[in-house]
Amino acid sequence: MANPFQEQLLKAGLVSKQKVRDTKTQKRRDRKAKVDDGSEVLRQEIAAKKQAQIEKDRALNEQRFAEATEKGQVRGLITEFKRLAIEIPKDAEVKFNYTLGTKIYSIYINDKLQSQLLNGQLGIVRHDEVSYLVPHKLAERVQLLVPEWCGYLWQQDDNQQVVEEDDPYADYVIPDDLMW
């Protein structure tokens, strides 16, 4: 025991071991109850900061979009990705899912297009309810100017894996194109 006073009380026979355990348990519960693990004020502060960041990002995106529209870049971008879009084969059987905002969209592609998407050679742009497979550089430009249209864009940091030193499964590699 760490408390010499409790030891003295035990030796004197004034308390039992069970009473000491109960006291320790109660102290621990009291300490946990007093810990501020997310007070309402803290939660409101975090929510306010998050909301301010969202508003700041939205304003910046709107400003970029307005500047790009002013310069005619958006119209040029639309015609460019429609012109450079890769035609999806009619006999495509592989379903490729991607997210845009909060929605999940899917397109059917073949194995060759899937490997190009997963290797970062292609990207997906969605405009006017139509998905376009475009070269990666064009998808990056769309991401910069109008991020709401860029559905899938492979990036190097997305595929970096954190390897632990004592990982028992380090020898077993999970494939990037694993489909369920």
C-alpha atoms as a PDB file:
ATOM      1  CA  MET A   1       0.000   0.000   0.000  1.00  0.00           C
ATOM      2  CA  ALA A   2       1.159   3.486  -0.779  1.00  0.00           C
ATOM      3  CA  ASN A   3      -0.671   5.209   2.080  1.00  0.00           C
ATOM      4  CA  PRO A   4       1.055   4.749   5.478  1.00  0.00           C
ATOM      5  CA  PHE A   5      -2.015   6.033   7.356  1.00  0.00           C
ATOM      6  CA  GLN A   6      -4.147   3.249   5.875  1.00  0.00           C
ATOM      7  CA  GLU A   7      -1.477   0.722   6.859  1.00  0.00           C
ATOM      8  CA  GLN A   8      -1.537   1.967  10.439  1.00  0.00           C
ATOM      9  CA  LEU A   9      -5.333   1.721  10.577  1.00  0.00           C
ATOM     10  CA  LEU A  10      -5.170  -1.817   9.181  1.00  0.00           C
ATOM     11  CA  LYS A  11      -2.538  -2.895  11.720  1.00  0.00           C
ATOM     12  CA  ALA A  12      -4.558  -1.397  14.533  1.00  0.00           C
ATOM     13  CA  GLY A  13      -7.613  -3.340  13.309  1.00  0.00           C
ATOM     14  CA  LEU A  14      -9.757  -0.226  12.919  1.00  0.00           C
ATOM     15  CA  VAL A  15     -10.501  -0.934   9.226  1.00  0.00           C
ATOM     16  CA  SER A  16     -10.633  -4.059   7.066  1.00  0.00           C
ATOM     17  CA  LYS A  17      -8.951  -4.731   3.739  1.00  0.00           C
ATOM     18  CA  GLN A  18     -12.339  -4.570   2.034  1.00  0.00           C
ATOM     19  CA  LYS A  19     -13.004  -1.122   3.499  1.00  0.00           C
ATOM     20  CA  VAL A  20      -9.585   0.108   2.225  1.00  0.00           C
ATOM     21  CA  ARG A  21     -10.374  -1.240  -1.285  1.00  0.00           C
ATOM     22  CA  ASP A  22     -13.789   0.408  -1.216  1.00  0.00           C
ATOM     23  CA  THR A  23     -12.227   3.715  -0.199  1.00  0.00           C
ATOM     24  CA  LYS A  24      -9.667   3.526  -3.015  1.00  0.00           C
ATOM     25  CA  THR A  25     -12.383   2.702  -5.524  1.00  0.00           C
ATOM     26  CA  GLN A  26     -14.491   5.609  -4.341  1.00  0.00           C
ATOM     27  CA  LYS A  27     -11.519   8.001  -4.545  1.00  0.00           C
ATOM     28  CA  ARG A  28     -10.814   6.868  -8.101  1.00  0.00           C
ATOM     29  CA  ARG A  29     -14.458   7.368  -9.071  1.00  0.00           C
ATOM     30  CA  ASP A  30     -14.463  10.823  -7.525  1.00  0.00           C
ATOM     31  CA  ARG A  31     -11.297  11.775  -9.425  1.00  0.00           C
ATOM     32  CA  LYS A  32     -12.797  10.590 -12.712  1.00  0.00           C
ATOM     33  CA  ALA A  33     -15.989  12.528 -12.033  1.00  0.00           C
ATOM     34  CA  LYS A  34     -14.026  15.732 -11.471  1.00  0.00           C
ATOM     35  CA  VAL A  35     -11.956  15.390 -14.656  1.00  0.00           C
ATOM     36  CA  ASP A  36     -13.162  17.740 -17.366  1.00  0.00           C
ATOM     37  CA  ASP A  37     -13.389  15.300 -20.250  1.00  0.00           C
ATOM     38  CA  GLY A  38     -15.213  17.596 -22.616  1.00  0.00           C
ATOM     39  CA  SER A  39     -17.096  20.318 -20.873  1.00  0.00           C
ATOM     40  CA  GLU A  40     -19.803  22.148 -22.730  1.00  0.00           C
ATOM     41  CA  VAL A  41     -17.676  25.291 -23.010  1.00  0.00           C
ATOM     42  CA  LEU A  42     -14.791  23.341 -24.564  1.00  0.00           C
ATOM     43  CA  ARG A  43     -17.126  21.588 -26.999  1.00  0.00           C
ATOM     44  CA  GLN A  44     -18.667  24.896 -28.031  1.00  0.00           C
ATOM     45  CA  GLU A  45     -15.215  26.401 -28.568  1.00  0.00           C
ATOM     46  CA  ILE A  46     -14.157  23.502 -30.774  1.00  0.00           C
ATOM     47  CA  ALA A  47     -17.409  23.643 -32.744  1.00  0.00           C
ATOM     48  CA  ALA A  48     -17.021  27.400 -33.237  1.00  0.00           C
ATOM     49  CA  LYS A  49     -13.441  26.974 -34.491  1.00  0.00           C
ATOM     50  CA  LYS A  50     -14.547  24.199 -36.837  1.00  0.00           C
ATOM     51  CA  GLN A  51     -17.400  26.303 -38.181  1.00  0.00           C
ATOM     52  CA  ALA A  52     -15.095  29.300 -38.670  1.00  0.00           C
ATOM     53  CA  GLN A  53     -12.630  27.122 -40.608  1.00  0.00           C
ATOM     54  CA  ILE A  54     -15.439  25.738 -42.788  1.00  0.00           C
ATOM     55  CA  GLU A  55     -16.667  29.262 -43.539  1.00  0.00           C
ATOM     56  CA  LYS A  56     -13.127  30.418 -44.310  1.00  0.00           C
ATOM     57  CA  ASP A  57     -12.573  27.473 -46.686  1.00  0.00           C
ATOM     58  CA  ARG A  58     -15.926  28.053 -48.368  1.00  0.00           C
ATOM     59  CA  ALA A  59     -15.173  31.753 -48.866  1.00  0.00           C
ATOM     60  CA  LEU A  60     -11.748  30.935 -50.307  1.00  0.00           C
ATOM     61  CA  ASN A  61     -13.253  28.371 -52.697  1.00  0.00           C
ATOM     62  CA  GLU A  62     -15.919  30.837 -53.802  1.00  0.00           C
ATOM     63  CA  GLN A  63     -13.254  33.478 -54.372  1.00  0.00           C
ATOM     64  CA  ARG A  64     -11.152  31.064 -56.456  1.00  0.00           C
ATOM     65  CA  PHE A  65     -14.218  30.019 -58.426  1.00  0.00           C
ATOM     66  CA  ALA A  66     -15.194  33.647 -59.047  1.00  0.00           C
ATOM     67  CA  GLU A  67     -11.674  34.516 -60.208  1.00  0.00           C
ATOM     68  CA  ALA A  68     -11.535  31.482 -62.459  1.00  0.00           C
ATOM     69  CA  THR A  69     -14.980  32.217 -63.879  1.00  0.00           C
ATOM     70  CA  GLU A  70     -13.906  35.790 -64.510  1.00  0.00           C
ATOM     71  CA  LYS A  71     -10.939  34.617 -66.479  1.00  0.00           C
ATOM     72  CA  GLY A  72     -12.971  32.069 -68.408  1.00  0.00           C
ATOM     73  CA  GLN A  73     -10.904  29.242 -66.989  1.00  0.00           C
ATOM     74  CA  VAL A  74     -13.882  27.266 -65.763  1.00  0.00           C
ATOM     75  CA  ARG A  75     -15.530  27.242 -69.195  1.00  0.00           C
ATOM     76  CA  GLY A  76     -12.219  26.248 -70.723  1.00  0.00           C
ATOM     77  CA  LEU A  77     -11.808  23.538 -68.108  1.00  0.00           C
ATOM     78  CA  ILE A  78     -15.243  22.111 -68.868  1.00  0.00           C
ATOM     79  CA  THR A  79     -14.565  21.921 -72.572  1.00  0.00           C
ATOM     80  CA  GLU A  80     -11.111  20.487 -71.931  1.00  0.00           C
ATOM     81  CA  PHE A  81     -12.244  17.621 -69.709  1.00  0.00           C
ATOM     82  CA  LYS A  82     -15.130  16.850 -72.043  1.00  0.00           C
ATOM     83  CA  ARG A  83     -12.704  16.774 -74.970  1.00  0.00           C
ATOM     84  CA  LEU A  84      -9.981  14.759 -73.196  1.00  0.00           C
ATOM     85  CA  ALA A  85     -12.337  12.376 -71.377  1.00  0.00           C
ATOM     86  CA  ILE A  86     -11.517   8.728 -71.871  1.00  0.00           C
ATOM     87  CA  GLU A  87     -14.413   6.740 -73.216  1.00  0.00           C
ATOM     88  CA  ILE A  88     -15.660   4.040 -70.861  1.00  0.00           C
ATOM     89  CA  PRO A  89     -16.095   0.696 -72.661  1.00  0.00           C
ATOM     90  CA  LYS A  90     -19.606  -0.700 -72.920  1.00  0.00           C
ATOM     91  CA  ASP A  91     -18.528  -4.161 -71.740  1.00  0.00           C
ATOM     92  CA  ALA A  92     -16.958  -2.876 -68.498  1.00  0.00           C
ATOM     93  CA  GLU A  93     -17.655  -5.123 -65.513  1.00  0.00           C
ATOM     94  CA  VAL A  94     -15.568  -3.706 -62.651  1.00  0.00           C
ATOM     95  CA  LYS A  95     -17.519  -1.382 -60.377  1.00  0.00           C
ATOM     96  CA  PHE A  96     -15.383   1.535 -59.138  1.00  0.00           C
ATOM     97  CA  ASN A  97     -16.786   3.542 -56.209  1.00  0.00           C
ATOM     98  CA  TYR A  98     -15.702   7.067 -55.345  1.00  0.00           C
ATOM     99  CA  THR A  99     -17.002   9.790 -53.075  1.00  0.00           C
ATOM    100  CA  LEU A 100     -17.857  13.322 -54.009  1.00  0.00           C
ATOM    101  CA  GLY A 101     -18.857  15.459 -51.066  1.00  0.00           C
ATOM    102  CA  THR A 102     -21.038  13.224 -48.935  1.00  0.00           C
ATOM    103  CA  LYS A 103     -22.343  10.989 -51.733  1.00  0.00           C
ATOM    104  CA  ILE A 104     -20.895   7.780 -53.103  1.00  0.00           C
ATOM    105  CA  TYR A 105     -20.930   7.380 -56.866  1.00  0.00           C
ATOM    106  CA  SER A 106     -19.898   4.390 -58.927  1.00  0.00           C
ATOM    107  CA  ILE A 107     -18.893   3.797 -62.509  1.00  0.00           C
ATOM    108  CA  TYR A 108     -18.236   0.588 -64.365  1.00  0.00           C
ATOM    109  CA  ILE A 109     -14.782   0.326 -65.882  1.00  0.00           C
ATOM    110  CA  ASN A 110     -12.491  -2.428 -67.138  1.00  0.00           C
ATOM    111  CA  ASP A 111      -9.346  -3.790 -65.469  1.00  0.00           C
ATOM    112  CA  LYS A 112      -6.996  -1.603 -67.504  1.00  0.00           C
ATOM    113  CA  LEU A 113      -8.788   1.623 -66.512  1.00  0.00           C
ATOM    114  CA  GLN A 114      -8.960   0.467 -62.905  1.00  0.00           C
ATOM    115  CA  SER A 115      -5.210  -0.062 -62.741  1.00  0.00           C
ATOM    116  CA  GLN A 116      -4.642   3.353 -64.339  1.00  0.00           C
ATOM    117  CA  LEU A 117      -6.917   4.977 -61.738  1.00  0.00           C
ATOM    118  CA  LEU A 118      -5.166   3.231 -58.862  1.00  0.00           C
ATOM    119  CA  ASN A 119      -1.694   4.056 -60.219  1.00  0.00           C
ATOM    120  CA  GLY A 120      -2.462   7.749 -60.505  1.00  0.00           C
ATOM    121  CA  GLN A 121      -2.575   8.022 -64.283  1.00  0.00           C
ATOM    122  CA  LEU A 122      -6.274   8.930 -64.411  1.00  0.00           C
ATOM    123  CA  GLY A 123      -8.740  10.848 -62.269  1.00  0.00           C
ATOM    124  CA  ILE A 124     -12.518  11.178 -62.143  1.00  0.00           C
ATOM    125  CA  VAL A 125     -14.346  14.465 -62.644  1.00  0.00           C
ATOM    126  CA  ARG A 126     -18.115  14.740 -62.178  1.00  0.00           C
ATOM    127  CA  HIS A 127     -19.991  17.602 -63.808  1.00  0.00           C
ATOM    128  CA  ASP A 128     -23.717  17.900 -64.587  1.00  0.00           C
ATOM    129  CA  GLU A 129     -24.428  14.395 -63.222  1.00  0.00           C
ATOM    130  CA  VAL A 130     -21.908  12.806 -65.625  1.00  0.00           C
ATOM    131  CA  SER A 131     -18.637  11.181 -64.591  1.00  0.00           C
ATOM    132  CA  TYR A 132     -15.588  11.693 -66.808  1.00  0.00           C
ATOM    133  CA  LEU A 133     -12.321   9.736 -66.726  1.00  0.00           C
ATOM    134  CA  VAL A 134      -9.589  12.285 -67.389  1.00  0.00           C
ATOM    135  CA  PRO A 135      -5.779  12.375 -67.261  1.00  0.00           C
ATOM    136  CA  HIS A 136      -4.328  12.948 -63.785  1.00  0.00           C
ATOM    137  CA  LYS A 137      -2.891  16.411 -64.550  1.00  0.00           C
ATOM    138  CA  LEU A 138      -6.284  17.648 -65.724  1.00  0.00           C
ATOM    139  CA  ALA A 139      -7.961  16.219 -62.609  1.00  0.00           C
ATOM    140  CA  GLU A 140      -5.420  18.113 -60.485  1.00  0.00           C
ATOM    141  CA  ARG A 141      -6.316  21.365 -62.247  1.00  0.00           C
ATOM    142  CA  VAL A 142     -10.007  20.697 -61.668  1.00  0.00           C
ATOM    143  CA  GLN A 143      -9.211  19.996 -57.987  1.00  0.00           C
ATOM    144  CA  LEU A 144      -7.492  23.381 -57.686  1.00  0.00           C
ATOM    145  CA  LEU A 145     -10.142  25.447 -59.461  1.00  0.00           C
ATOM    146  CA  VAL A 146     -13.390  23.651 -58.620  1.00  0.00           C
ATOM    147  CA  PRO A 147     -12.873  21.019 -55.878  1.00  0.00           C
ATOM    148  CA  GLU A 148     -16.600  20.162 -55.856  1.00  0.00           C
ATOM    149  CA  TRP A 149     -16.215  18.518 -59.281  1.00  0.00           C
ATOM    150  CA  CYS A 150     -13.192  16.327 -58.560  1.00  0.00           C
ATOM    151  CA  GLY A 151     -14.499  12.882 -57.643  1.00  0.00           C
ATOM    152  CA  TYR A 152     -11.344  10.776 -57.474  1.00  0.00           C
ATOM    153  CA  LEU A 153      -7.766  11.939 -57.524  1.00  0.00           C
ATOM    154  CA  TRP A 154      -4.969   9.588 -56.520  1.00  0.00           C
ATOM    155  CA  GLN A 155      -2.345  11.214 -54.335  1.00  0.00           C
ATOM    156  CA  GLN A 156       0.975   9.850 -53.123  1.00  0.00           C
ATOM    157  CA  ASP A 157       0.327  10.466 -49.419  1.00  0.00           C
ATOM    158  CA  ASP A 158      -2.963   8.507 -49.564  1.00  0.00           C
ATOM    159  CA  ASN A 159      -1.120   5.242 -50.133  1.00  0.00           C
ATOM    160  CA  GLN A 160       1.710   5.517 -47.631  1.00  0.00           C
ATOM    161  CA  GLN A 161       1.517   2.832 -45.005  1.00  0.00           C
ATOM    162  CA  VAL A 162       2.656   3.200 -41.431  1.00  0.00           C
ATOM    163  CA  VAL A 163       4.797   0.200 -40.520  1.00  0.00           C
ATOM    164  CA  GLU A 164       5.210  -0.742 -36.897  1.00  0.00           C
ATOM    165  CA  GLU A 165       8.428  -2.416 -35.805  1.00  0.00           C
ATOM    166  CA  ASP A 166       6.794  -5.330 -33.984  1.00  0.00           C
ATOM    167  CA  ASP A 167       4.002  -5.873 -36.481  1.00  0.00           C
ATOM    168  CA  PRO A 168       3.415  -9.641 -36.811  1.00  0.00           C
ATOM    169  CA  TYR A 169       1.635  -9.116 -40.160  1.00  0.00           C
ATOM    170  CA  ALA A 170       4.344  -6.972 -41.755  1.00  0.00           C
ATOM    171  CA  ASP A 171       5.161  -9.705 -44.287  1.00  0.00           C
ATOM    172  CA  TYR A 172       1.556  -9.850 -45.542  1.00  0.00           C
ATOM    173  CA  VAL A 173       0.889  -7.024 -47.980  1.00  0.00           C
ATOM    174  CA  ILE A 174      -2.676  -5.848 -48.561  1.00  0.00           C
ATOM    175  CA  PRO A 175      -3.245  -5.111 -52.247  1.00  0.00           C
ATOM    176  CA  ASP A 176      -4.354  -1.595 -53.197  1.00  0.00           C
ATOM    177  CA  ASP A 177      -7.000  -2.813 -55.608  1.00  0.00           C
ATOM    178  CA  LEU A 178      -8.709  -5.200 -53.217  1.00  0.00           C
ATOM    179  CA  MET A 179     -12.400  -5.376 -54.140  1.00  0.00           C
ATOM    180  CA  TRP A 180     -15.044  -6.823 -51.820  1.00  0.00           C
END
